[in-house]
PDB file of N, CA and C in Angstrom:
ATOM      1  N   MET A   1      32.539 -53.467 -31.009  1.00  0.00           N
ATOM      2  CA  MET A   1      32.434 -54.913 -31.150  1.00  0.00           C
ATOM      3  C   MET A   1      32.656 -55.447 -29.753  1.00  0.00           C
ATOM      4  N   ALA A   2      33.086 -55.242 -28.700  1.00  0.00           N
ATOM      5  CA  ALA A   2      32.971 -55.593 -27.435  1.00  0.00           C
ATOM      6  C   ALA A   2      31.153 -55.682 -27.128  1.00  0.00           C
ATOM      7  N   ARG A   3      30.600 -54.728 -27.442  1.00  0.00           N
ATOM      8  CA  ARG A   3      29.383 -54.549 -26.967  1.00  0.00           C
ATOM      9  C   ARG A   3      28.323 -55.504 -27.307  1.00  0.00           C
ATOM     10  N   LEU A   4      28.977 -56.084 -28.656  1.00  0.00           N
ATOM     11  CA  LEU A   4      28.205 -57.124 -29.619  1.00  0.00           C
ATOM     12  C   LEU A   4      28.717 -58.551 -29.560  1.00  0.00           C
ATOM     13  N   GLY A   5      29.520 -58.829 -28.798  1.00  0.00           N
ATOM     14  CA  GLY A   5      30.475 -60.067 -28.234  1.00  0.00           C
ATOM     15  C   GLY A   5      31.056 -60.630 -29.463  1.00  0.00           C
ATOM     16  N   GLU A   6      31.699 -59.672 -30.452  1.00  0.00           N
ATOM     17  CA  GLU A   6      32.293 -59.842 -31.306  1.00  0.00           C
ATOM     18  C   GLU A   6      33.959 -60.235 -30.877  1.00  0.00           C
ATOM     19  N   ILE A   7      34.012 -59.921 -30.311  1.00  0.00           N
ATOM     20  CA  ILE A   7      35.762 -60.035 -29.241  1.00  0.00           C
ATOM     21  C   ILE A   7      35.665 -60.364 -28.159  1.00  0.00           C
ATOM     22  N   PRO A   8      36.485 -61.345 -27.596  1.00  0.00           N
ATOM     23  CA  PRO A   8      36.003 -61.709 -25.572  1.00  0.00           C
ATOM     24  C   PRO A   8      36.611 -61.194 -25.037  1.00  0.00           C
ATOM     25  N   PHE A   9      36.819 -59.147 -25.415  1.00  0.00           N
ATOM     26  CA  PHE A   9      37.100 -58.718 -24.109  1.00  0.00           C
ATOM     27  C   PHE A   9      36.783 -57.537 -24.481  1.00  0.00           C
ATOM     28  N   GLY A  10      37.009 -56.382 -23.356  1.00  0.00           N
ATOM     29  CA  GLY A  10      36.408 -55.223 -23.639  1.00  0.00           C
ATOM     30  C   GLY A  10      36.949 -54.048 -24.127  1.00  0.00           C
ATOM     31  N   ARG A  11      38.366 -54.354 -24.605  1.00  0.00           N
ATOM     32  CA  ARG A  11      38.752 -53.363 -25.261  1.00  0.00           C
ATOM     33  C   ARG A  11      39.450 -53.448 -26.630  1.00  0.00           C
ATOM     34  N   TYR A  12      39.272 -53.007 -28.068  1.00  0.00           N
ATOM     35  CA  TYR A  12      39.675 -53.746 -28.941  1.00  0.00           C
ATOM     36  C   TYR A  12      41.005 -52.443 -29.961  1.00  0.00           C
ATOM     37  N   TYR A  13      42.047 -52.741 -29.950  1.00  0.00           N
ATOM     38  CA  TYR A  13      43.080 -51.381 -30.593  1.00  0.00           C
ATOM     39  C   TYR A  13      43.206 -52.534 -31.701  1.00  0.00           C
ATOM     40  N   GLY A  14      43.016 -53.252 -32.482  1.00  0.00           N
ATOM     41  CA  GLY A  14      43.328 -53.808 -33.315  1.00  0.00           C
ATOM     42  C   GLY A  14      42.992 -52.975 -34.680  1.00  0.00           C
ATOM     43  N   SER A  15      43.468 -53.191 -36.210  1.00  0.00           N
ATOM     44  CA  SER A  15      42.880 -52.055 -36.991  1.00  0.00           C
ATOM     45  C   SER A  15      42.824 -53.510 -38.384  1.00  0.00           C
ATOM     46  N   VAL A  16      42.432 -53.204 -39.430  1.00  0.00           N
ATOM     47  CA  VAL A  16      42.421 -53.741 -40.473  1.00  0.00           C
ATOM     48  C   VAL A  16      43.554 -53.957 -40.999  1.00  0.00           C
ATOM     49  N   ASP A  17      44.454 -52.895 -40.791  1.00  0.00           N
ATOM     50  CA  ASP A  17      45.675 -52.832 -41.653  1.00  0.00           C
ATOM     51  C   ASP A  17      47.097 -53.287 -41.196  1.00  0.00           C
ATOM     52  N   SER A  18      46.753 -54.056 -39.499  1.00  0.00           N
ATOM     53  CA  SER A  18      47.780 -54.308 -38.581  1.00  0.00           C
ATOM     54  C   SER A  18      49.140 -55.076 -39.818  1.00  0.00           C
ATOM     55  N   THR A  19      48.228 -55.981 -40.404  1.00  0.00           N
ATOM     56  CA  THR A  19      49.080 -57.451 -41.015  1.00  0.00           C
ATOM     57  C   THR A  19      49.945 -56.616 -41.688  1.00  0.00           C
ATOM     58  N   PRO A  20      49.140 -56.109 -42.914  1.00  0.00           N
ATOM     59  CA  PRO A  20      50.239 -55.355 -43.933  1.00  0.00           C
ATOM     60  C   PRO A  20      51.647 -54.699 -43.351  1.00  0.00           C
ATOM     61  N   LEU A  21      51.017 -53.503 -42.551  1.00  0.00           N
ATOM     62  CA  LEU A  21      51.644 -53.052 -41.799  1.00  0.00           C
ATOM     63  C   LEU A  21      52.927 -53.291 -41.242  1.00  0.00           C
ATOM     64  N   PHE A  22      52.708 -54.416 -40.457  1.00  0.00           N
ATOM     65  CA  PHE A  22      53.476 -55.137 -39.805  1.00  0.00           C
ATOM     66  C   PHE A  22      54.828 -55.517 -41.396  1.00  0.00           C
ATOM     67  N   ILE A  23      54.538 -56.292 -41.929  1.00  0.00           N
ATOM     68  CA  ILE A  23      55.593 -56.724 -43.336  1.00  0.00           C
ATOM     69  C   ILE A  23      56.154 -55.562 -44.014  1.00  0.00           C
ATOM     70  N   VAL A  24      54.860 -54.191 -43.975  1.00  0.00           N
ATOM     71  CA  VAL A  24      55.776 -53.110 -44.451  1.00  0.00           C
ATOM     72  C   VAL A  24      56.938 -52.893 -43.955  1.00  0.00           C
ATOM     73  N   LEU A  25      56.393 -52.470 -42.260  1.00  0.00           N
ATOM     74  CA  LEU A  25      57.713 -52.029 -41.456  1.00  0.00           C
ATOM     75  C   LEU A  25      58.556 -53.112 -41.263  1.00  0.00           C
ATOM     76  N   ALA A  26      58.606 -54.109 -41.067  1.00  0.00           N
ATOM     77  CA  ALA A  26      59.765 -54.991 -41.315  1.00  0.00           C
ATOM     78  C   ALA A  26      60.976 -54.602 -42.432  1.00  0.00           C
ATOM     79  N   ALA A  27      60.259 -54.601 -43.827  1.00  0.00           N
ATOM     80  CA  ALA A  27      61.282 -54.117 -44.921  1.00  0.00           C
ATOM     81  C   ALA A  27      61.909 -53.011 -44.590  1.00  0.00           C
ATOM     82  N   ALA A  28      61.027 -51.763 -44.197  1.00  0.00           N
ATOM     83  CA  ALA A  28      61.719 -50.688 -44.056  1.00  0.00           C
ATOM     84  C   ALA A  28      62.636 -50.745 -42.749  1.00  0.00           C
ATOM     85  N   TYR A  29      62.592 -51.521 -41.619  1.00  0.00           N
ATOM     86  CA  TYR A  29      63.162 -51.611 -40.681  1.00  0.00           C
ATOM     87  C   TYR A  29      64.641 -52.121 -41.294  1.00  0.00           C
ATOM     88  N   TYR A  30      64.621 -53.209 -42.009  1.00  0.00           N
ATOM     89  CA  TYR A  30      65.696 -53.850 -42.611  1.00  0.00           C
ATOM     90  C   TYR A  30      66.607 -52.846 -43.581  1.00  0.00           C
ATOM     91  N   ASP A  31      65.576 -52.061 -45.199  1.00  0.00           N
ATOM     92  CA  ASP A  31      66.036 -51.299 -45.604  1.00  0.00           C
ATOM     93  C   ASP A  31      67.304 -50.180 -44.547  1.00  0.00           C
ATOM     94  N   GLN A  32      66.320 -49.668 -43.617  1.00  0.00           N
ATOM     95  CA  GLN A  32      67.235 -48.732 -42.869  1.00  0.00           C
ATOM     96  C   GLN A  32      68.263 -49.260 -42.001  1.00  0.00           C
ATOM     97  N   THR A  33      68.462 -50.820 -41.731  1.00  0.00           N
ATOM     98  CA  THR A  33      69.628 -51.191 -40.683  1.00  0.00           C
ATOM     99  C   THR A  33      70.520 -52.032 -41.243  1.00  0.00           C
ATOM    100  N   GLY A  34      70.052 -53.091 -42.522  1.00  0.00           N
ATOM    101  CA  GLY A  34      70.463 -54.116 -43.052  1.00  0.00           C
ATOM    102  C   GLY A  34      70.552 -55.049 -41.850  1.00  0.00           C
ATOM    103  N   ASP A  35      70.206 -55.025 -40.871  1.00  0.00           N
ATOM    104  CA  ASP A  35      69.567 -56.314 -40.021  1.00  0.00           C
ATOM    105  C   ASP A  35      69.233 -57.443 -40.367  1.00  0.00           C
ATOM    106  N   LEU A  36      70.169 -58.420 -41.336  1.00  0.00           N
ATOM    107  CA  LEU A  36      68.925 -59.695 -41.258  1.00  0.00           C
ATOM    108  C   LEU A  36      69.028 -60.593 -40.464  1.00  0.00           C
ATOM    109  N   ASP A  37      69.550 -60.365 -39.372  1.00  0.00           N
ATOM    110  CA  ASP A  37      69.654 -61.604 -37.872  1.00  0.00           C
ATOM    111  C   ASP A  37      68.317 -61.479 -37.353  1.00  0.00           C
ATOM    112  N   PHE A  38      67.523 -60.154 -37.473  1.00  0.00           N
ATOM    113  CA  PHE A  38      66.570 -59.788 -37.157  1.00  0.00           C
ATOM    114  C   PHE A  38      65.423 -60.145 -38.001  1.00  0.00           C
ATOM    115  N   ILE A  39      65.501 -59.631 -39.360  1.00  0.00           N
ATOM    116  CA  ILE A  39      64.597 -60.172 -40.257  1.00  0.00           C
ATOM    117  C   ILE A  39      64.722 -61.747 -40.526  1.00  0.00           C
ATOM    118  N   GLU A  40      65.643 -62.363 -40.098  1.00  0.00           N
ATOM    119  CA  GLU A  40      65.273 -63.891 -40.103  1.00  0.00           C
ATOM    120  C   GLU A  40      65.119 -64.408 -38.842  1.00  0.00           C
ATOM    121  N   SER A  41      64.931 -63.588 -37.519  1.00  0.00           N
ATOM    122  CA  SER A  41      64.571 -64.370 -36.953  1.00  0.00           C
ATOM    123  C   SER A  41      62.711 -63.797 -36.409  1.00  0.00           C
ATOM    124  N   ILE A  42      62.460 -63.114 -37.690  1.00  0.00           N
ATOM    125  CA  ILE A  42      61.120 -62.909 -37.219  1.00  0.00           C
ATOM    126  C   ILE A  42      60.378 -63.235 -39.150  1.00  0.00           C
ATOM    127  N   TRP A  43      61.067 -64.305 -39.638  1.00  0.00           N
ATOM    128  CA  TRP A  43      60.765 -64.422 -41.160  1.00  0.00           C
ATOM    129  C   TRP A  43      59.065 -65.624 -40.946  1.00  0.00           C
ATOM    130  N   PRO A  44      59.525 -66.458 -39.879  1.00  0.00           N
ATOM    131  CA  PRO A  44      58.125 -66.909 -39.774  1.00  0.00           C
ATOM    132  C   PRO A  44      57.138 -66.139 -39.539  1.00  0.00           C
ATOM    133  N   ASN A  45      57.387 -64.990 -38.650  1.00  0.00           N
ATOM    134  CA  ASN A  45      55.818 -64.135 -38.373  1.00  0.00           C
ATOM    135  C   ASN A  45      55.467 -63.195 -40.120  1.00  0.00           C
ATOM    136  N   ILE A  46      56.486 -63.211 -40.461  1.00  0.00           N
ATOM    137  CA  ILE A  46      56.185 -62.475 -41.652  1.00  0.00           C
ATOM    138  C   ILE A  46      55.732 -63.606 -42.889  1.00  0.00           C
ATOM    139  N   ALA A  47      56.241 -64.767 -42.888  1.00  0.00           N
ATOM    140  CA  ALA A  47      55.312 -65.882 -43.981  1.00  0.00           C
ATOM    141  C   ALA A  47      54.182 -66.095 -43.283  1.00  0.00           C
ATOM    142  N   LEU A  48      53.681 -66.206 -42.114  1.00  0.00           N
ATOM    143  CA  LEU A  48      52.151 -66.325 -41.547  1.00  0.00           C
ATOM    144  C   LEU A  48      51.334 -65.030 -41.533  1.00  0.00           C
ATOM    145  N   ALA A  49      51.799 -63.858 -41.680  1.00  0.00           N
ATOM    146  CA  ALA A  49      51.009 -62.722 -42.583  1.00  0.00           C
ATOM    147  C   ALA A  49      50.921 -62.487 -43.376  1.00  0.00           C
ATOM    148  N   LEU A  50      51.950 -63.221 -44.764  1.00  0.00           N
ATOM    149  CA  LEU A  50      51.636 -62.689 -46.023  1.00  0.00           C
ATOM    150  C   LEU A  50      50.673 -63.634 -46.409  1.00  0.00           C
ATOM    151  N   ASN A  51      50.761 -65.356 -45.134  1.00  0.00           N
ATOM    152  CA  ASN A  51      49.747 -66.392 -45.705  1.00  0.00           C
ATOM    153  C   ASN A  51      48.352 -66.065 -45.411  1.00  0.00           C
ATOM    154  N   TRP A  52      48.481 -65.034 -44.176  1.00  0.00           N
ATOM    155  CA  TRP A  52      46.990 -64.438 -43.663  1.00  0.00           C
ATOM    156  C   TRP A  52      46.304 -63.592 -44.684  1.00  0.00           C
ATOM    157  N   ILE A  53      46.946 -62.946 -45.337  1.00  0.00           N
ATOM    158  CA  ILE A  53      46.460 -61.717 -46.307  1.00  0.00           C
ATOM    159  C   ILE A  53      46.250 -62.631 -47.816  1.00  0.00           C
ATOM    160  N   ASP A  54      47.261 -63.428 -48.448  1.00  0.00           N
ATOM    161  CA  ASP A  54      46.467 -64.219 -48.897  1.00  0.00           C
ATOM    162  C   ASP A  54      45.293 -65.371 -49.148  1.00  0.00           C
ATOM    163  N   HIS A  55      44.926 -65.886 -47.811  1.00  0.00           N
ATOM    164  CA  HIS A  55      44.120 -66.679 -47.251  1.00  0.00           C
ATOM    165  C   HIS A  55      42.628 -66.389 -46.875  1.00  0.00           C
ATOM    166  N   TYR A  56      43.112 -65.050 -46.176  1.00  0.00           N
ATOM    167  CA  TYR A  56      41.955 -64.410 -45.487  1.00  0.00           C
ATOM    168  C   TYR A  56      41.428 -62.855 -45.723  1.00  0.00           C
ATOM    169  N   GLY A  57      42.372 -62.276 -45.562  1.00  0.00           N
ATOM    170  CA  GLY A  57      42.563 -60.771 -45.621  1.00  0.00           C
ATOM    171  C   GLY A  57      41.551 -60.323 -46.886  1.00  0.00           C
ATOM    172  N   ASP A  58      41.979 -60.697 -47.941  1.00  0.00           N
ATOM    173  CA  ASP A  58      41.989 -60.821 -49.509  1.00  0.00           C
ATOM    174  C   ASP A  58      40.680 -61.476 -50.021  1.00  0.00           C
ATOM    175  N   GLN A  59      39.448 -61.006 -49.590  1.00  0.00           N
ATOM    176  CA  GLN A  59      38.656 -61.950 -49.226  1.00  0.00           C
ATOM    177  C   GLN A  59      38.166 -62.379 -51.551  1.00  0.00           C
ATOM    178  N   ASP A  60      37.997 -61.104 -51.754  1.00  0.00           N
ATOM    179  CA  ASP A  60      37.565 -61.221 -52.932  1.00  0.00           C
ATOM    180  C   ASP A  60      38.433 -61.583 -54.292  1.00  0.00           C
ATOM    181  N   GLY A  61      39.790 -61.440 -53.966  1.00  0.00           N
ATOM    182  CA  GLY A  61      40.858 -61.532 -54.963  1.00  0.00           C
ATOM    183  C   GLY A  61      41.287 -60.063 -55.392  1.00  0.00           C
ATOM    184  N   ASP A  62      40.774 -59.457 -54.877  1.00  0.00           N
ATOM    185  CA  ASP A  62      41.582 -57.820 -55.731  1.00  0.00           C
ATOM    186  C   ASP A  62      42.640 -57.278 -55.290  1.00  0.00           C
ATOM    187  N   LEU A  63      43.582 -58.143 -54.337  1.00  0.00           N
ATOM    188  CA  LEU A  63      44.630 -57.921 -53.492  1.00  0.00           C
ATOM    189  C   LEU A  63      44.788 -56.637 -52.724  1.00  0.00           C
ATOM    190  N   PHE A  64      43.697 -56.313 -52.398  1.00  0.00           N
ATOM    191  CA  PHE A  64      43.368 -55.629 -51.051  1.00  0.00           C
ATOM    192  C   PHE A  64      42.693 -56.267 -49.551  1.00  0.00           C
ATOM    193  N   VAL A  65      43.126 -55.869 -48.970  1.00  0.00           N
ATOM    194  CA  VAL A  65      42.686 -56.666 -47.665  1.00  0.00           C
ATOM    195  C   VAL A  65      41.516 -56.121 -47.409  1.00  0.00           C
ATOM    196  N   GLU A  66      40.234 -56.740 -46.675  1.00  0.00           N
ATOM    197  CA  GLU A  66      39.141 -56.413 -46.472  1.00  0.00           C
ATOM    198  C   GLU A  66      38.844 -56.589 -45.147  1.00  0.00           C
ATOM    199  N   TYR A  67      37.336 -55.982 -44.802  1.00  0.00           N
ATOM    200  CA  TYR A  67      37.585 -56.369 -43.330  1.00  0.00           C
ATOM    201  C   TYR A  67      35.769 -56.356 -43.423  1.00  0.00           C
ATOM    202  N   HIS A  68      35.454 -56.937 -42.140  1.00  0.00           N
ATOM    203  CA  HIS A  68      34.117 -57.535 -42.650  1.00  0.00           C
ATOM    204  C   HIS A  68      33.579 -57.665 -40.782  1.00  0.00           C
ATOM    205  N   ARG A  69      32.635 -57.242 -40.275  1.00  0.00           N
ATOM    206  CA  ARG A  69      32.296 -57.815 -38.847  1.00  0.00           C
ATOM    207  C   ARG A  69      31.579 -59.175 -39.164  1.00  0.00           C
ATOM    208  N   ARG A  70      31.698 -59.697 -37.998  1.00  0.00           N
ATOM    209  CA  ARG A  70      30.730 -61.084 -38.092  1.00  0.00           C
ATOM    210  C   ARG A  70      29.251 -61.043 -38.285  1.00  0.00           C
ATOM    211  N   SER A  71      28.896 -60.296 -37.856  1.00  0.00           N
ATOM    212  CA  SER A  71      26.835 -59.903 -38.315  1.00  0.00           C
ATOM    213  C   SER A  71      27.037 -59.086 -39.581  1.00  0.00           C
ATOM    214  N   GLU A  72      28.025 -58.509 -40.489  1.00  0.00           N
ATOM    215  CA  GLU A  72      28.187 -58.498 -42.053  1.00  0.00           C
ATOM    216  C   GLU A  72      28.562 -59.564 -42.577  1.00  0.00           C
ATOM    217  N   ILE A  73      29.484 -60.589 -42.013  1.00  0.00           N
ATOM    218  CA  ILE A  73      29.393 -61.874 -42.965  1.00  0.00           C
ATOM    219  C   ILE A  73      28.517 -62.734 -42.935  1.00  0.00           C
ATOM    220  N   HIS A  74      27.780 -62.789 -41.717  1.00  0.00           N
ATOM    221  CA  HIS A  74      26.130 -63.728 -41.735  1.00  0.00           C
ATOM    222  C   HIS A  74      25.648 -63.083 -42.224  1.00  0.00           C
ATOM    223  N   ARG A  75      25.123 -61.934 -42.591  1.00  0.00           N
ATOM    224  CA  ARG A  75      24.352 -61.184 -43.504  1.00  0.00           C
ATOM    225  C   ARG A  75      24.923 -61.250 -44.981  1.00  0.00           C
ATOM    226  N   MET A  76      26.038 -61.192 -45.187  1.00  0.00           N
ATOM    227  CA  MET A  76      26.218 -61.692 -46.645  1.00  0.00           C
ATOM    228  C   MET A  76      26.008 -62.917 -47.199  1.00  0.00           C
ATOM    229  N   GLU A  77      26.097 -64.253 -46.035  1.00  0.00           N
ATOM    230  CA  GLU A  77      25.958 -65.373 -46.441  1.00  0.00           C
ATOM    231  C   GLU A  77      24.438 -65.836 -46.572  1.00  0.00           C
ATOM    232  N   SER A  78      24.145 -65.056 -45.987  1.00  0.00           N
ATOM    233  CA  SER A  78      22.592 -65.007 -46.320  1.00  0.00           C
ATOM    234  C   SER A  78      21.826 -64.922 -47.156  1.00  0.00           C
ATOM    235  N   ARG A  79      22.536 -63.560 -47.737  1.00  0.00           N
ATOM    236  CA  ARG A  79      21.443 -62.813 -48.972  1.00  0.00           C
ATOM    237  C   ARG A  79      22.189 -63.898 -50.276  1.00  0.00           C
ATOM    238  N   ARG A  80      23.582 -64.771 -49.985  1.00  0.00           N
ATOM    239  CA  ARG A  80      23.936 -65.290 -51.224  1.00  0.00           C
ATOM    240  C   ARG A  80      23.426 -66.566 -51.316  1.00  0.00           C
ATOM    241  N   ARG A  81      22.820 -67.281 -50.006  1.00  0.00           N
ATOM    242  CA  ARG A  81      22.234 -68.302 -49.900  1.00  0.00           C
ATOM    243  C   ARG A  81      20.496 -67.892 -50.620  1.00  0.00           C
ATOM    244  N   LYS A  82      20.254 -66.789 -50.596  1.00  0.00           N
ATOM    245  CA  LYS A  82      18.923 -66.879 -50.702  1.00  0.00           C
ATOM    246  C   LYS A  82      18.983 -66.762 -52.207  1.00  0.00           C
ATOM    247  N   ARG A  83      19.977 -65.872 -52.720  1.00  0.00           N
ATOM    248  CA  ARG A  83      20.414 -65.611 -54.403  1.00  0.00           C
ATOM    249  C   ARG A  83      20.221 -66.942 -55.043  1.00  0.00           C
ATOM    250  N   ARG A  84      21.016 -68.126 -54.352  1.00  0.00           N
ATOM    251  CA  ARG A  84      21.399 -69.370 -54.818  1.00  0.00           C
ATOM    252  C   ARG A  84      19.794 -69.877 -55.089  1.00  0.00           C
ATOM    253  N   SER A  85      19.037 -69.355 -53.792  1.00  0.00           N
ATOM    254  CA  SER A  85      18.131 -70.409 -53.708  1.00  0.00           C
ATOM    255  C   SER A  85      16.683 -70.307 -54.737  1.00  0.00           C
ATOM    256  N   ALA A  86      16.754 -68.428 -55.304  1.00  0.00           N
ATOM    257  CA  ALA A  86      15.976 -68.111 -56.074  1.00  0.00           C
ATOM    258  C   ALA A  86      16.118 -68.327 -57.194  1.00  0.00           C
ATOM    259  N   ALA A  87      17.636 -68.515 -57.499  1.00  0.00           N
ATOM    260  CA  ALA A  87      18.453 -69.167 -58.833  1.00  0.00           C
ATOM    261  C   ALA A  87      18.042 -70.081 -59.130  1.00  0.00           C
ATOM    262  N   SER A  88      18.035 -71.126 -58.252  1.00  0.00           N
ATOM    263  CA  SER A  88      17.504 -72.565 -58.132  1.00  0.00           C
ATOM    264  C   SER A  88      16.299 -72.738 -58.979  1.00  0.00           C
ATOM    265  N   TRP A  89      15.146 -71.759 -57.891  1.00  0.00           N
ATOM    266  CA  TRP A  89      14.253 -72.204 -58.122  1.00  0.00           C
ATOM    267  C   TRP A  89      13.338 -71.460 -59.327  1.00  0.00           C
ATOM    268  N   ARG A  90      14.283 -70.485 -60.102  1.00  0.00           N
ATOM    269  CA  ARG A  90      13.795 -69.730 -61.269  1.00  0.00           C
ATOM    270  C   ARG A  90      13.959 -70.810 -62.353  1.00  0.00           C
ATOM    271  N   GLN A  91      15.334 -71.441 -62.183  1.00  0.00           N
ATOM    272  CA  GLN A  91      15.777 -72.148 -63.288  1.00  0.00           C
ATOM    273  C   GLN A  91      14.656 -73.615 -63.233  1.00  0.00           C
ATOM    274  N   THR A  92      14.468 -74.016 -61.974  1.00  0.00           N
ATOM    275  CA  THR A  92      13.297 -75.331 -62.210  1.00  0.00           C
ATOM    276  C   THR A  92      12.052 -74.867 -62.690  1.00  0.00           C
ATOM    277  N   HIS A  93      11.579 -73.959 -62.241  1.00  0.00           N
ATOM    278  CA  HIS A  93      10.155 -73.521 -62.490  1.00  0.00           C
ATOM    279  C   HIS A  93      10.039 -72.615 -64.293  1.00  0.00           C
ATOM    280  N   HIS A  94      10.660 -72.326 -64.187  1.00  0.00           N
ATOM    281  CA  HIS A  94      10.850 -71.481 -65.662  1.00  0.00           C
ATOM    282  C   HIS A  94      11.811 -71.660 -67.128  1.00  0.00           C
ATOM    283  N   ALA A  95      12.085 -73.377 -66.783  1.00  0.00           N
ATOM    284  CA  ALA A  95      13.149 -73.850 -68.013  1.00  0.00           C
ATOM    285  C   ALA A  95      12.148 -74.467 -68.740  1.00  0.00           C
TER     286      ALA A  95
END
């Protein structure tokens, strides 16, 4: 990803499942320790993680987090535009 300029730094150690894993580990920590004070202290981060999953991570609404590189997203958007354009052309010329 660094070589393609998709990230602004040389090495990338992230993963597509880091955000859901954070939520699962917070729940496991609470189950093991009962430390509600800690969970309350990180609750804003948990809420942001859940929001990210709902609005950005699950791109097709199937309840799974998807991952696409920027180049793949641009390619998919280009295909979508071409399909819409072709469908529009067919409707106007074959109606």
